[in-house]
Amino acid sequence: MSDTGTQAVDRVPKQDRSRATRQRLLEAAVACLAEHGWAGSTVSVVAERAGVSRGAAQHHFPTREDLFTAAVEYVAEERSTALRALFPGGAAGDRHAVVAALVDLYTGPLFRAALHLWVAASNEDQLRTRVTELEARVGRETHRIAVDLLAADETRPGVRETVQGLLDMARGLGLANLLTDDGPRRDRVVAQWAAMVERALE
């Protein structure tokens, strides 16, 4: 085999390893943010959790801000994919299940990690700009998923506000969940909101 052919064969595994390292770093960053907050989530801590050197981490993400904004974006995309996967053939009119799934989106580790990032961003100008842009994009995507799954017709007056109100409520439940696991109360709230959404979208 020619040297060129050998290099081509060698390059594929290196690319695969690079992708795997990047993914481990992103997952470790989100887990650290959720567990330790911004102050306790340094690049060194994340690299150790991911099982890679600090140099390898900085090769993929030159700054701490690069690492953590990319991590929250990565998991947000994963959660969007997971939410769609819950209803591969559409929600089939089960709006209660959709409301419950949307609430779950805001009560998992992504929301916990994102909240720590928002708090940090409120005090750091460079991070604030990037996190604000990211949150706007993630918010638009989540809204679009909700509209699709609820089969909501946003040309009708009040429907867009109903969907946005649902997402705001889910975010509020996610915030409450940071302090205590209030599952039974949350279930009752989800049932009530599902009934309200059903009436509003009829």
N, C-alpha and C. Protein backbone atom coordinates (compact mmCIF):
# COMPACT_ATOMS: atom_id res chain seq x y z
N MET A 1 0.86 -1.19 0.00
CA MET A 1 0.00 0.00 0.00
C MET A 1 0.89 1.24 0.00
N SER A 2 0.53 2.25 -0.73
CA SER A 2 1.32 3.47 -0.80
C SER A 2 1.26 4.22 0.52
N ASP A 3 2.23 5.15 0.71
CA ASP A 3 2.23 5.97 1.92
C ASP A 3 0.95 6.78 2.03
N THR A 4 0.46 7.26 0.85
CA THR A 4 -0.78 8.04 0.85
C THR A 4 -1.94 7.20 1.35
N GLY A 5 -2.01 5.94 0.89
CA GLY A 5 -3.08 5.04 1.32
C GLY A 5 -3.00 4.74 2.80
N THR A 6 -1.77 4.56 3.30
CA THR A 6 -1.58 4.28 4.72
C THR A 6 -2.02 5.47 5.56
N GLN A 7 -1.68 6.68 5.11
CA GLN A 7 -2.09 7.87 5.84
C GLN A 7 -3.60 8.01 5.88
N ALA A 8 -4.27 7.65 4.78
CA ALA A 8 -5.72 7.76 4.73
C ALA A 8 -6.36 6.79 5.71
N VAL A 9 -5.79 5.58 5.81
CA VAL A 9 -6.33 4.59 6.74
C VAL A 9 -6.12 5.04 8.17
N ASP A 10 -4.91 5.60 8.45
CA ASP A 10 -4.60 6.04 9.81
C ASP A 10 -5.44 7.22 10.24
N ARG A 11 -5.83 8.06 9.27
CA ARG A 11 -6.52 9.30 9.61
C ARG A 11 -7.92 9.05 10.14
N VAL A 12 -8.59 8.01 9.66
CA VAL A 12 -9.96 7.76 10.08
C VAL A 12 -10.06 7.44 11.56
N PRO A 13 -9.22 6.49 12.06
CA PRO A 13 -9.29 6.23 13.50
C PRO A 13 -8.95 7.46 14.34
N LYS A 14 -7.99 8.29 13.87
CA LYS A 14 -7.65 9.50 14.61
C LYS A 14 -8.85 10.44 14.68
N GLN A 15 -9.57 10.56 13.58
CA GLN A 15 -10.76 11.41 13.57
C GLN A 15 -11.83 10.85 14.52
N ASP A 16 -11.98 9.53 14.50
CA ASP A 16 -12.94 8.90 15.41
C ASP A 16 -12.55 9.14 16.87
N ARG A 17 -11.26 9.01 17.16
CA ARG A 17 -10.79 9.24 18.53
C ARG A 17 -11.00 10.69 18.94
N SER A 18 -10.77 11.59 17.99
CA SER A 18 -10.96 13.00 18.28
C SER A 18 -12.42 13.30 18.60
N ARG A 19 -13.33 12.74 17.83
CA ARG A 19 -14.76 12.94 18.08
C ARG A 19 -15.16 12.36 19.43
N ALA A 20 -14.62 11.17 19.73
CA ALA A 20 -14.95 10.52 21.00
C ALA A 20 -14.43 11.34 22.18
N THR A 21 -13.22 11.89 22.04
CA THR A 21 -12.65 12.73 23.11
C THR A 21 -13.50 13.97 23.30
N ARG A 22 -13.89 14.60 22.21
CA ARG A 22 -14.72 15.80 22.28
C ARG A 22 -16.03 15.51 22.99
N GLN A 23 -16.66 14.38 22.65
CA GLN A 23 -17.94 14.04 23.27
C GLN A 23 -17.77 13.76 24.76
N ARG A 24 -16.71 13.06 25.13
CA ARG A 24 -16.46 12.80 26.56
C ARG A 24 -16.29 14.11 27.33
N LEU A 25 -15.57 15.05 26.73
CA LEU A 25 -15.36 16.34 27.38
C LEU A 25 -16.67 17.10 27.55
N LEU A 26 -17.50 17.08 26.53
CA LEU A 26 -18.78 17.78 26.61
C LEU A 26 -19.67 17.17 27.68
N GLU A 27 -19.76 15.85 27.71
CA GLU A 27 -20.60 15.18 28.70
C GLU A 27 -20.06 15.41 30.11
N ALA A 28 -18.73 15.39 30.26
CA ALA A 28 -18.14 15.63 31.57
C ALA A 28 -18.38 17.07 32.03
N ALA A 29 -18.31 18.01 31.09
CA ALA A 29 -18.53 19.42 31.43
C ALA A 29 -19.95 19.64 31.94
N VAL A 30 -20.92 19.05 31.29
CA VAL A 30 -22.30 19.20 31.72
C VAL A 30 -22.51 18.56 33.09
N ALA A 31 -21.95 17.37 33.28
CA ALA A 31 -22.09 16.69 34.57
C ALA A 31 -21.45 17.52 35.69
N CYS A 32 -20.29 18.11 35.42
CA CYS A 32 -19.61 18.93 36.43
C CYS A 32 -20.42 20.18 36.75
N LEU A 33 -20.96 20.84 35.73
CA LEU A 33 -21.78 22.02 35.97
C LEU A 33 -22.98 21.68 36.82
N ALA A 34 -23.64 20.56 36.49
CA ALA A 34 -24.84 20.17 37.22
C ALA A 34 -24.52 19.83 38.67
N GLU A 35 -23.36 19.23 38.91
CA GLU A 35 -23.02 18.76 40.25
C GLU A 35 -22.28 19.79 41.09
N HIS A 36 -21.41 20.58 40.45
CA HIS A 36 -20.51 21.45 41.22
C HIS A 36 -20.69 22.94 40.95
N GLY A 37 -21.54 23.28 39.95
CA GLY A 37 -21.71 24.68 39.61
C GLY A 37 -20.51 25.22 38.85
N TRP A 38 -20.59 26.51 38.50
CA TRP A 38 -19.55 27.13 37.67
C TRP A 38 -18.22 27.19 38.41
N ALA A 39 -18.22 27.60 39.67
CA ALA A 39 -16.98 27.79 40.41
C ALA A 39 -16.18 26.50 40.54
N GLY A 40 -16.89 25.38 40.68
CA GLY A 40 -16.20 24.10 40.87
C GLY A 40 -15.93 23.35 39.58
N SER A 41 -16.22 23.96 38.45
CA SER A 41 -16.09 23.26 37.16
C SER A 41 -14.98 23.90 36.32
N THR A 42 -13.75 23.59 36.67
CA THR A 42 -12.61 24.09 35.91
C THR A 42 -12.31 23.13 34.75
N VAL A 43 -11.49 23.59 33.82
CA VAL A 43 -11.10 22.74 32.70
C VAL A 43 -10.36 21.50 33.23
N SER A 44 -9.54 21.68 34.24
CA SER A 44 -8.79 20.55 34.81
C SER A 44 -9.73 19.50 35.40
N VAL A 45 -10.74 19.97 36.12
CA VAL A 45 -11.71 19.04 36.72
C VAL A 45 -12.46 18.27 35.64
N VAL A 46 -12.89 18.99 34.61
CA VAL A 46 -13.60 18.35 33.51
C VAL A 46 -12.71 17.34 32.79
N ALA A 47 -11.46 17.74 32.52
CA ALA A 47 -10.53 16.85 31.81
C ALA A 47 -10.31 15.57 32.61
N GLU A 48 -10.14 15.72 33.93
CA GLU A 48 -9.94 14.54 34.78
C GLU A 48 -11.15 13.63 34.74
N ARG A 49 -12.34 14.22 34.80
CA ARG A 49 -13.56 13.41 34.77
C ARG A 49 -13.72 12.70 33.42
N ALA A 50 -13.28 13.36 32.35
CA ALA A 50 -13.40 12.78 31.02
C ALA A 50 -12.29 11.77 30.73
N GLY A 51 -11.27 11.74 31.59
CA GLY A 51 -10.17 10.81 31.38
C GLY A 51 -9.19 11.25 30.31
N VAL A 52 -9.06 12.56 30.14
CA VAL A 52 -8.11 13.08 29.15
C VAL A 52 -7.22 14.11 29.82
N SER A 53 -6.11 14.46 29.16
CA SER A 53 -5.21 15.46 29.72
C SER A 53 -5.79 16.86 29.55
N ARG A 54 -5.29 17.78 30.37
CA ARG A 54 -5.72 19.18 30.24
C ARG A 54 -5.35 19.71 28.86
N GLY A 55 -4.18 19.31 28.36
CA GLY A 55 -3.76 19.74 27.03
C GLY A 55 -4.71 19.28 25.94
N ALA A 56 -5.18 18.04 26.06
CA ALA A 56 -6.14 17.52 25.08
C ALA A 56 -7.44 18.30 25.15
N ALA A 57 -7.87 18.64 26.37
CA ALA A 57 -9.10 19.42 26.52
C ALA A 57 -8.96 20.78 25.86
N GLN A 58 -7.81 21.42 26.06
CA GLN A 58 -7.61 22.75 25.50
C GLN A 58 -7.38 22.71 24.00
N HIS A 59 -6.96 21.58 23.49
CA HIS A 59 -6.86 21.42 22.03
C HIS A 59 -8.24 21.52 21.40
N HIS A 60 -9.23 20.88 22.03
CA HIS A 60 -10.60 20.90 21.51
C HIS A 60 -11.31 22.21 21.86
N PHE A 61 -11.06 22.71 23.06
CA PHE A 61 -11.75 23.91 23.54
C PHE A 61 -10.71 24.85 24.17
N PRO A 62 -10.24 25.83 23.41
CA PRO A 62 -9.15 26.69 23.88
C PRO A 62 -9.46 27.44 25.18
N THR A 63 -10.72 27.79 25.41
CA THR A 63 -11.06 28.53 26.62
C THR A 63 -12.14 27.79 27.41
N ARG A 64 -12.24 28.15 28.66
CA ARG A 64 -13.29 27.59 29.52
C ARG A 64 -14.67 27.91 28.97
N GLU A 65 -14.85 29.13 28.48
CA GLU A 65 -16.14 29.54 27.92
C GLU A 65 -16.49 28.70 26.70
N ASP A 66 -15.49 28.42 25.85
CA ASP A 66 -15.72 27.55 24.68
C ASP A 66 -16.25 26.19 25.13
N LEU A 67 -15.62 25.64 26.13
CA LEU A 67 -15.99 24.31 26.61
C LEU A 67 -17.41 24.26 27.14
N PHE A 68 -17.77 25.21 28.00
CA PHE A 68 -19.07 25.10 28.66
C PHE A 68 -20.23 25.54 27.79
N THR A 69 -20.03 26.51 26.93
CA THR A 69 -21.14 26.85 26.02
C THR A 69 -21.36 25.72 25.02
N ALA A 70 -20.27 25.10 24.55
CA ALA A 70 -20.41 23.97 23.64
C ALA A 70 -21.08 22.78 24.33
N ALA A 71 -20.78 22.58 25.62
CA ALA A 71 -21.35 21.45 26.35
C ALA A 71 -22.86 21.60 26.50
N VAL A 72 -23.31 22.79 26.88
CA VAL A 72 -24.75 22.98 27.04
C VAL A 72 -25.46 22.89 25.68
N GLU A 73 -24.83 23.41 24.63
CA GLU A 73 -25.41 23.30 23.29
C GLU A 73 -25.51 21.83 22.87
N TYR A 74 -24.47 21.07 23.14
CA TYR A 74 -24.45 19.65 22.78
C TYR A 74 -25.59 18.90 23.45
N VAL A 75 -25.75 19.09 24.75
CA VAL A 75 -26.78 18.35 25.46
C VAL A 75 -28.17 18.87 25.08
N ALA A 76 -28.29 20.16 24.80
CA ALA A 76 -29.57 20.69 24.35
C ALA A 76 -30.00 20.01 23.06
N GLU A 77 -29.04 19.82 22.15
CA GLU A 77 -29.36 19.15 20.89
C GLU A 77 -29.72 17.68 21.14
N GLU A 78 -29.00 17.06 22.08
CA GLU A 78 -29.30 15.67 22.42
C GLU A 78 -30.71 15.55 23.00
N ARG A 79 -31.09 16.52 23.84
CA ARG A 79 -32.42 16.48 24.45
C ARG A 79 -33.51 16.72 23.41
N SER A 80 -33.24 17.59 22.47
CA SER A 80 -34.21 17.81 21.40
C SER A 80 -34.42 16.53 20.61
N THR A 81 -33.33 15.85 20.31
CA THR A 81 -33.40 14.59 19.58
C THR A 81 -34.17 13.55 20.40
N ALA A 82 -33.87 13.50 21.70
CA ALA A 82 -34.55 12.53 22.57
C ALA A 82 -36.04 12.83 22.66
N LEU A 83 -36.41 14.10 22.70
CA LEU A 83 -37.82 14.47 22.78
C LEU A 83 -38.57 14.05 21.53
N ARG A 84 -37.97 14.28 20.38
CA ARG A 84 -38.61 13.85 19.13
C ARG A 84 -38.70 12.32 19.06
N ALA A 85 -37.68 11.65 19.60
CA ALA A 85 -37.67 10.19 19.56
C ALA A 85 -38.77 9.58 20.42
N LEU A 86 -39.28 10.34 21.40
CA LEU A 86 -40.37 9.82 22.23
C LEU A 86 -41.65 9.62 21.41
N PHE A 87 -41.78 10.40 20.33
CA PHE A 87 -42.97 10.35 19.50
C PHE A 87 -42.56 10.22 18.03
N PRO A 88 -41.94 9.09 17.65
CA PRO A 88 -41.41 8.96 16.29
C PRO A 88 -42.48 9.06 15.21
N GLY A 89 -43.71 8.69 15.54
CA GLY A 89 -44.79 8.78 14.56
C GLY A 89 -45.71 9.96 14.83
N GLY A 90 -45.22 10.93 15.65
CA GLY A 90 -46.07 12.03 16.08
C GLY A 90 -46.72 11.68 17.40
N ALA A 91 -47.29 12.66 18.04
CA ALA A 91 -47.87 12.44 19.37
C ALA A 91 -49.25 11.82 19.32
N ALA A 92 -49.81 11.69 18.14
CA ALA A 92 -51.11 11.05 17.96
C ALA A 92 -52.19 11.66 18.86
N GLY A 93 -52.10 12.96 19.04
CA GLY A 93 -53.14 13.65 19.81
C GLY A 93 -53.02 13.55 21.31
N ASP A 94 -51.98 12.87 21.81
CA ASP A 94 -51.83 12.72 23.26
C ASP A 94 -51.08 13.93 23.81
N ARG A 95 -51.80 15.00 24.02
CA ARG A 95 -51.16 16.23 24.46
C ARG A 95 -50.67 16.16 25.90
N HIS A 96 -51.32 15.34 26.72
CA HIS A 96 -50.84 15.17 28.09
C HIS A 96 -49.43 14.59 28.08
N ALA A 97 -49.19 13.60 27.22
CA ALA A 97 -47.85 13.00 27.13
C ALA A 97 -46.84 14.03 26.65
N VAL A 98 -47.24 14.90 25.73
CA VAL A 98 -46.33 15.93 25.23
C VAL A 98 -45.98 16.92 26.34
N VAL A 99 -47.00 17.37 27.09
CA VAL A 99 -46.75 18.30 28.18
C VAL A 99 -45.80 17.67 29.20
N ALA A 100 -46.02 16.41 29.55
CA ALA A 100 -45.16 15.72 30.51
C ALA A 100 -43.73 15.61 29.99
N ALA A 101 -43.59 15.33 28.69
CA ALA A 101 -42.26 15.21 28.10
C ALA A 101 -41.53 16.55 28.10
N LEU A 102 -42.27 17.62 27.83
CA LEU A 102 -41.65 18.95 27.85
C LEU A 102 -41.20 19.33 29.25
N VAL A 103 -42.00 18.98 30.25
CA VAL A 103 -41.60 19.25 31.63
C VAL A 103 -40.34 18.45 31.98
N ASP A 104 -40.29 17.21 31.53
CA ASP A 104 -39.10 16.39 31.78
C ASP A 104 -37.85 17.05 31.19
N LEU A 105 -38.02 17.72 30.07
CA LEU A 105 -36.90 18.40 29.41
C LEU A 105 -36.27 19.43 30.34
N TYR A 106 -37.10 20.04 31.19
CA TYR A 106 -36.62 21.09 32.08
C TYR A 106 -36.31 20.62 33.50
N THR A 107 -36.44 19.33 33.76
CA THR A 107 -36.15 18.83 35.10
C THR A 107 -34.97 17.88 35.11
N GLY A 108 -34.24 17.81 33.99
CA GLY A 108 -33.07 16.95 33.90
C GLY A 108 -31.77 17.70 34.10
N PRO A 109 -30.65 17.02 33.90
CA PRO A 109 -29.33 17.63 34.13
C PRO A 109 -29.02 18.79 33.19
N LEU A 110 -29.61 18.80 32.00
CA LEU A 110 -29.37 19.91 31.08
C LEU A 110 -29.79 21.23 31.70
N PHE A 111 -31.01 21.27 32.25
CA PHE A 111 -31.50 22.52 32.83
C PHE A 111 -30.63 22.94 34.00
N ARG A 112 -30.24 21.96 34.81
CA ARG A 112 -29.41 22.25 35.98
C ARG A 112 -28.08 22.87 35.55
N ALA A 113 -27.48 22.26 34.54
CA ALA A 113 -26.21 22.78 34.04
C ALA A 113 -26.39 24.15 33.40
N ALA A 114 -27.45 24.32 32.62
CA ALA A 114 -27.69 25.59 31.95
C ALA A 114 -27.91 26.70 32.98
N LEU A 115 -28.59 26.39 34.06
CA LEU A 115 -28.85 27.40 35.08
C LEU A 115 -27.54 27.91 35.69
N HIS A 116 -26.62 27.00 35.97
CA HIS A 116 -25.32 27.41 36.50
C HIS A 116 -24.59 28.30 35.49
N LEU A 117 -24.71 27.95 34.23
CA LEU A 117 -24.06 28.74 33.19
C LEU A 117 -24.68 30.13 33.10
N TRP A 118 -26.02 30.21 33.23
CA TRP A 118 -26.69 31.52 33.19
C TRP A 118 -26.23 32.40 34.34
N VAL A 119 -26.11 31.81 35.53
CA VAL A 119 -25.68 32.58 36.70
C VAL A 119 -24.26 33.12 36.47
N ALA A 120 -23.38 32.26 35.95
CA ALA A 120 -22.02 32.69 35.66
C ALA A 120 -22.02 33.78 34.60
N ALA A 121 -22.86 33.63 33.59
CA ALA A 121 -22.91 34.58 32.48
C ALA A 121 -23.39 35.95 32.93
N SER A 122 -24.18 35.99 33.98
CA SER A 122 -24.69 37.28 34.45
C SER A 122 -23.58 38.17 34.97
N ASN A 123 -22.42 37.57 35.29
CA ASN A 123 -21.30 38.34 35.83
C ASN A 123 -20.11 38.42 34.89
N GLU A 124 -20.19 37.76 33.73
CA GLU A 124 -19.06 37.74 32.81
C GLU A 124 -19.54 38.14 31.42
N ASP A 125 -19.07 39.30 30.95
CA ASP A 125 -19.57 39.86 29.70
C ASP A 125 -19.36 38.94 28.51
N GLN A 126 -18.17 38.36 28.37
CA GLN A 126 -17.89 37.51 27.21
C GLN A 126 -18.80 36.29 27.21
N LEU A 127 -18.96 35.69 28.36
CA LEU A 127 -19.80 34.50 28.46
C LEU A 127 -21.27 34.86 28.27
N ARG A 128 -21.68 36.03 28.75
CA ARG A 128 -23.09 36.43 28.65
C ARG A 128 -23.56 36.48 27.19
N THR A 129 -22.77 37.07 26.32
CA THR A 129 -23.15 37.18 24.92
C THR A 129 -23.34 35.82 24.29
N ARG A 130 -22.42 34.91 24.56
CA ARG A 130 -22.49 33.59 23.94
C ARG A 130 -23.64 32.77 24.49
N VAL A 131 -23.85 32.85 25.80
CA VAL A 131 -24.93 32.07 26.41
C VAL A 131 -26.29 32.63 25.99
N THR A 132 -26.41 33.95 25.87
CA THR A 132 -27.67 34.56 25.43
C THR A 132 -28.03 34.11 24.03
N GLU A 133 -27.04 34.09 23.14
CA GLU A 133 -27.28 33.64 21.77
C GLU A 133 -27.67 32.17 21.74
N LEU A 134 -26.99 31.36 22.54
CA LEU A 134 -27.29 29.94 22.60
C LEU A 134 -28.68 29.70 23.14
N GLU A 135 -29.04 30.38 24.21
CA GLU A 135 -30.35 30.19 24.82
C GLU A 135 -31.47 30.58 23.87
N ALA A 136 -31.25 31.66 23.10
CA ALA A 136 -32.26 32.07 22.13
C ALA A 136 -32.48 31.00 21.08
N ARG A 137 -31.39 30.39 20.60
CA ARG A 137 -31.51 29.36 19.58
C ARG A 137 -32.18 28.10 20.12
N VAL A 138 -31.75 27.69 21.32
CA VAL A 138 -32.34 26.50 21.95
C VAL A 138 -33.82 26.74 22.24
N GLY A 139 -34.15 27.96 22.69
CA GLY A 139 -35.54 28.29 22.97
C GLY A 139 -36.41 28.21 21.73
N ARG A 140 -35.89 28.72 20.61
CA ARG A 140 -36.65 28.64 19.35
C ARG A 140 -36.86 27.20 18.92
N GLU A 141 -35.83 26.38 19.08
CA GLU A 141 -35.95 24.97 18.70
C GLU A 141 -36.96 24.24 19.58
N THR A 142 -36.89 24.49 20.88
CA THR A 142 -37.83 23.84 21.80
C THR A 142 -39.26 24.27 21.49
N HIS A 143 -39.45 25.55 21.20
CA HIS A 143 -40.79 26.04 20.86
C HIS A 143 -41.29 25.36 19.59
N ARG A 144 -40.43 25.22 18.60
CA ARG A 144 -40.84 24.59 17.34
C ARG A 144 -41.22 23.12 17.56
N ILE A 145 -40.43 22.42 18.39
CA ILE A 145 -40.75 21.03 18.70
C ILE A 145 -42.11 20.95 19.39
N ALA A 146 -42.33 21.85 20.35
CA ALA A 146 -43.60 21.85 21.09
C ALA A 146 -44.78 22.09 20.16
N VAL A 147 -44.65 23.05 19.25
CA VAL A 147 -45.72 23.33 18.29
C VAL A 147 -46.02 22.11 17.44
N ASP A 148 -44.96 21.47 16.96
CA ASP A 148 -45.14 20.28 16.11
C ASP A 148 -45.84 19.15 16.87
N LEU A 149 -45.34 18.86 18.07
CA LEU A 149 -45.87 17.72 18.82
C LEU A 149 -47.30 17.97 19.32
N LEU A 150 -47.62 19.23 19.61
CA LEU A 150 -48.96 19.55 20.08
C LEU A 150 -49.94 19.78 18.93
N ALA A 151 -49.42 19.74 17.69
CA ALA A 151 -50.24 20.03 16.51
C ALA A 151 -50.97 21.37 16.70
N ALA A 152 -50.19 22.36 17.13
CA ALA A 152 -50.75 23.68 17.42
C ALA A 152 -50.76 24.56 16.17
N ASP A 153 -51.86 25.22 15.94
CA ASP A 153 -52.00 26.13 14.80
C ASP A 153 -51.73 27.56 15.29
N GLU A 154 -50.51 28.03 15.07
CA GLU A 154 -50.14 29.33 15.60
C GLU A 154 -50.71 30.51 14.81
N THR A 155 -51.45 30.21 13.75
CA THR A 155 -52.13 31.31 13.07
C THR A 155 -53.37 31.74 13.85
N ARG A 156 -53.81 30.91 14.78
CA ARG A 156 -54.97 31.25 15.60
C ARG A 156 -54.56 32.15 16.75
N PRO A 157 -55.35 33.16 17.07
CA PRO A 157 -55.02 34.08 18.17
C PRO A 157 -54.82 33.34 19.50
N GLY A 158 -53.74 33.67 20.18
CA GLY A 158 -53.50 33.14 21.51
C GLY A 158 -52.78 31.81 21.55
N VAL A 159 -52.68 31.11 20.42
CA VAL A 159 -52.07 29.77 20.44
C VAL A 159 -50.57 29.86 20.71
N ARG A 160 -49.90 30.80 20.05
CA ARG A 160 -48.45 30.94 20.29
C ARG A 160 -48.17 31.24 21.76
N GLU A 161 -48.98 32.12 22.34
CA GLU A 161 -48.79 32.47 23.76
C GLU A 161 -49.08 31.28 24.67
N THR A 162 -50.03 30.44 24.27
CA THR A 162 -50.33 29.24 25.05
C THR A 162 -49.13 28.30 25.08
N VAL A 163 -48.52 28.09 23.91
CA VAL A 163 -47.35 27.21 23.84
C VAL A 163 -46.19 27.80 24.64
N GLN A 164 -45.97 29.11 24.49
CA GLN A 164 -44.88 29.74 25.23
C GLN A 164 -45.13 29.70 26.73
N GLY A 165 -46.40 29.89 27.13
CA GLY A 165 -46.74 29.79 28.54
C GLY A 165 -46.45 28.41 29.10
N LEU A 166 -46.72 27.38 28.30
CA LEU A 166 -46.42 26.01 28.70
C LEU A 166 -44.93 25.84 28.95
N LEU A 167 -44.11 26.35 28.04
CA LEU A 167 -42.66 26.23 28.19
C LEU A 167 -42.16 27.02 29.39
N ASP A 168 -42.75 28.20 29.62
CA ASP A 168 -42.37 28.99 30.79
C ASP A 168 -42.73 28.25 32.08
N MET A 169 -43.91 27.62 32.08
CA MET A 169 -44.32 26.84 33.25
C MET A 169 -43.36 25.68 33.47
N ALA A 170 -42.98 24.99 32.39
CA ALA A 170 -42.05 23.86 32.51
C ALA A 170 -40.71 24.32 33.08
N ARG A 171 -40.26 25.48 32.65
CA ARG A 171 -39.00 26.02 33.16
C ARG A 171 -39.12 26.32 34.66
N GLY A 172 -40.26 26.85 35.06
CA GLY A 172 -40.48 27.12 36.48
C GLY A 172 -40.48 25.85 37.32
N LEU A 173 -41.09 24.79 36.80
CA LEU A 173 -41.07 23.52 37.52
C LEU A 173 -39.66 22.96 37.60
N GLY A 174 -38.89 23.17 36.52
CA GLY A 174 -37.50 22.73 36.54
C GLY A 174 -36.69 23.46 37.59
N LEU A 175 -36.95 24.75 37.74
CA LEU A 175 -36.26 25.53 38.76
C LEU A 175 -36.61 25.04 40.16
N ALA A 176 -37.90 24.78 40.39
CA ALA A 176 -38.33 24.27 41.69
C ALA A 176 -37.69 22.92 41.99
N ASN A 177 -37.48 22.13 40.96
CA ASN A 177 -36.93 20.80 41.12
C ASN A 177 -35.46 20.82 41.54
N LEU A 178 -34.80 21.97 41.37
CA LEU A 178 -33.40 22.08 41.80
C LEU A 178 -33.27 21.97 43.31
N LEU A 179 -34.29 22.43 44.02
CA LEU A 179 -34.23 22.47 45.47
C LEU A 179 -34.79 21.22 46.12
N THR A 180 -35.83 20.68 45.52
CA THR A 180 -36.46 19.49 46.10
C THR A 180 -37.19 18.72 45.03
N ASP A 181 -37.22 17.41 45.16
CA ASP A 181 -37.96 16.57 44.22
C ASP A 181 -39.43 16.59 44.61
N ASP A 182 -40.19 17.37 43.87
CA ASP A 182 -41.61 17.55 44.21
C ASP A 182 -42.47 16.85 43.16
N GLY A 183 -42.18 15.57 42.92
CA GLY A 183 -42.84 14.82 41.87
C GLY A 183 -44.36 14.81 41.92
N PRO A 184 -44.96 14.47 43.07
CA PRO A 184 -46.43 14.40 43.13
C PRO A 184 -47.12 15.72 42.78
N ARG A 185 -46.60 16.83 43.32
CA ARG A 185 -47.19 18.13 42.99
C ARG A 185 -46.99 18.45 41.51
N ARG A 186 -45.80 18.11 41.00
CA ARG A 186 -45.52 18.37 39.60
C ARG A 186 -46.47 17.59 38.70
N ASP A 187 -46.78 16.36 39.08
CA ASP A 187 -47.71 15.55 38.29
C ASP A 187 -49.08 16.20 38.22
N ARG A 188 -49.53 16.77 39.34
CA ARG A 188 -50.84 17.43 39.35
C ARG A 188 -50.83 18.69 38.48
N VAL A 189 -49.73 19.44 38.55
CA VAL A 189 -49.61 20.64 37.72
C VAL A 189 -49.59 20.27 36.24
N VAL A 190 -48.86 19.23 35.89
CA VAL A 190 -48.80 18.77 34.50
C VAL A 190 -50.17 18.38 34.01
N ALA A 191 -50.94 17.67 34.83
CA ALA A 191 -52.28 17.25 34.43
C ALA A 191 -53.18 18.47 34.18
N GLN A 192 -53.08 19.47 35.06
CA GLN A 192 -53.89 20.67 34.90
C GLN A 192 -53.50 21.44 33.64
N TRP A 193 -52.20 21.58 33.44
CA TRP A 193 -51.74 22.30 32.25
C TRP A 193 -52.11 21.57 30.97
N ALA A 194 -52.02 20.24 31.00
CA ALA A 194 -52.38 19.45 29.83
C ALA A 194 -53.86 19.69 29.46
N ALA A 195 -54.71 19.76 30.48
CA ALA A 195 -56.14 20.02 30.24
C ALA A 195 -56.34 21.43 29.68
N MET A 196 -55.60 22.39 30.21
CA MET A 196 -55.72 23.76 29.71
C MET A 196 -55.24 23.87 28.27
N VAL A 197 -54.14 23.23 27.97
CA VAL A 197 -53.60 23.26 26.61
C VAL A 197 -54.57 22.60 25.64
N GLU A 198 -55.14 21.49 26.07
CA GLU A 198 -56.11 20.79 25.21
C GLU A 198 -57.28 21.71 24.86
N ARG A 199 -57.80 22.41 25.86
CA ARG A 199 -58.93 23.32 25.61
C ARG A 199 -58.51 24.49 24.69
N ALA A 200 -57.32 25.00 24.93
CA ALA A 200 -56.86 26.16 24.16
C ALA A 200 -56.59 25.82 22.71
N LEU A 201 -56.23 24.56 22.44
CA LEU A 201 -55.84 24.18 21.09
C LEU A 201 -56.96 23.48 20.33
N GLU A 202 -58.10 23.31 20.97
CA GLU A 202 -59.22 22.62 20.30
C GLU A 202 -59.65 23.38 19.05
